[in-house]
Amino acid sequence: MKTVILIPCYNESKTIEKVVRDFKRVMPHADIYVYDNNSTDGTDRIAKEAGAIVRYEYKQGKGNVVRSMFRQITADCYIMVDGDDTYPAEAAVEIERIILENRADMVIGDRLSSTYFDENSRPFHNTGNRVVRKFINIFFKSDLNDIMTGMRGFNYDFAKSFPIQSKGFEIETEMSVFALINNFKICEMPVNYRDRIDGSESKLNTYRDGYRVMMMIASLIRDERPLLFFSVISMILLIIAGAYFFPILFRYFSTGYVLKIPTLIVISTVVIIASVIFFTGVILHVLKRQHRDNLERHLILLSEMRKD
C-alpha cells in the first residue's frame, strides 16, 4: 500500500521545512510531494533540502495545483495538507488508517469542532466558514462540520474520478459537494488547528475568495441539483406573474372588463419562460442521474483495474 503526502505551496518558506520534517518523522514510509505554485521566496529549494519531492504547477491557484497532483500521482492513500504548519502531522496517521481500512473515500480534518475558532485571528474567516457550512448542509442535505479544511485524505477512486473545475481556494468546497452528491463515504475527524506563525501570511483573501466560494456554491447547486435550482427560479417568476395577474383577474370579476392588456401579454410571456425553465431543470435532472450512473460504472472499472 502506497501513501503520499501532498503539500500545495505558494510562498511558504517560513514553514515548509518544519511541515516536511514533521511528516517525515510521523509518516516515514510515505512519499512527500511539495507542489510549488510560482513561489518567489525559495519555498521549493527549502522543501528539497528538507527531503521532499518537489514538482511545479505554473497555473496560479490551489485548484490548479490539486488537479495536477491527482493527475500525476498514483497511490492507495492521498493525504493533502497546507504548507503553512497549521495542521498537526500526527493526524495523518489516523487519516491513513481510515482510508486504507476502506472506512471512507474522503477523510475531512475537522478544524471547526476543535481549536479553529480559538486559534484563528481573522473573524471574517470564522463567519465565512460558518456561512459556507450552513449553505452546503441545507442545499445538499448533509451535516458536515468543516467544509473548507486544508487537511484531507482520499483513496484512489476519489482522486482519479474527481473532475476538478475550481482554480483557486474554492476547491475545498467543490471536493465536499462532489463527495456528497456522488455518495462517496465521508468521515470527519477532529484535528487541532493552530494559527500561522508570525511573519507567515495567509494567501486567502477574505472578500475576493469568499465571493468565489459563494459563486462556486451557486454553480454547484445549479450543476448538481438542477431540478431544485431551476424550480426555484420558475417559482419566483410565477409569483411575480401572479402578483400582477390576480388584480387584473379580480377587476374582471367585479367589472366585466379586461384592463391592462399589455401587462397581460407580459405576464403570459413570463409564465411561458417559467415553464421552459422548469422543464429545463427536469431534463438536466435526468441527465445528471445518467451522469451518476456513468460515474458508478467508472468506479467499478477502476476497482477491477486495481485488482488486475
Foldseek 3Di string as FASTA:
>chain_A
DAEEEEEEDAAQQVQQLVVLLQLCVQPVRYAYEYEYAPHDPCSQVSNVVSPHHYHYDPQDAPLSVLLCVLVPDADFKYKYAYRQPFFHSNVVVVQVVCSVVVVFQKEAAAAQVACCVVADPDVLVVVLQVVLQVLCCVLLVDNDRGQQHRIMMGGNLLSNLQDGDDGHSLRSNSSVLVCSLLVTGYHYDYTHTHDGDPPDDDPDDSPPVSVVNVVVSLVCCCQRQVLVNLLVVLVVLLVVLCVVPVVQVVVCVVPVDRPDPVSVVVSVVSNVVSVVSNVVSVVSVVVNVVVSVVSVVVSVVVVVVVVD
